[in-house]
Amino acid sequence: MRRSASETKAVILAAARERFAADGYDRATIRAIAADAHIDPSMVMRYFGNKEGLFAAAAEFDLELPDLEQVPREKIGTTVAAHFLERWERDEALLILLRAGVTNPVVSERMRSIFAAQLSPIVASVRADPQGSSARAGLAASQVLGIALCRYVLAFPPLVTMERQEVVEWIGPTLQRYLVD
């Protein structure tokens, strides 16, 4: 059965996401991904160039940040906290990036670019004075990434056993200070 280029790319990306999730970035190989996709490894190279290019395409995701202009100003921190907890719990791609980003510079750069491109404009949109928005976005990212690392990757017992709303109540005020105050 012949596939179009877009169908072939979609099959490769689906196989790559599964393989990166199962094996992590360092252990996943182009050959294994190609085998999972039932194609020749040269096709992976043709469409994505190398493992880094494939990973960047497979790890493309939207943080799906809420429109904070519609959120009451005093609830922005808790809204962002709740959103990120829900996102971490729903999308394993974020956790794959986080796990791999701790040790791999290519992956950590991918995470930085995703958070910078998507979080900084949101922070700027809720501030009367957008000065310092990138610093505030970085601080907010450190909070949500730290929670994700400790709760979902390292599984620190106090954070793992807390209800989601309890975590929101703890980190919401910190995010509020970073984003608005």
Foldseek 3Di string as FASTA:
>chain_A
DDDDLVVLLVLLLVLVLVQCLVPNLVPRALCNSCVSSVHDSVSVCVVQVGSLSSLLVSLDDALPDDQCVPPPLVQSLLSRLLSLVVVLVPDCSVVSLLVNLVPDVSSVVSVVVNQQVHQLVSLLVQEPDSPCSSVLSVQLVCVSSVLCCCCPPVNDPVSVPDDSSVSSVVRSVVNSVSRYD
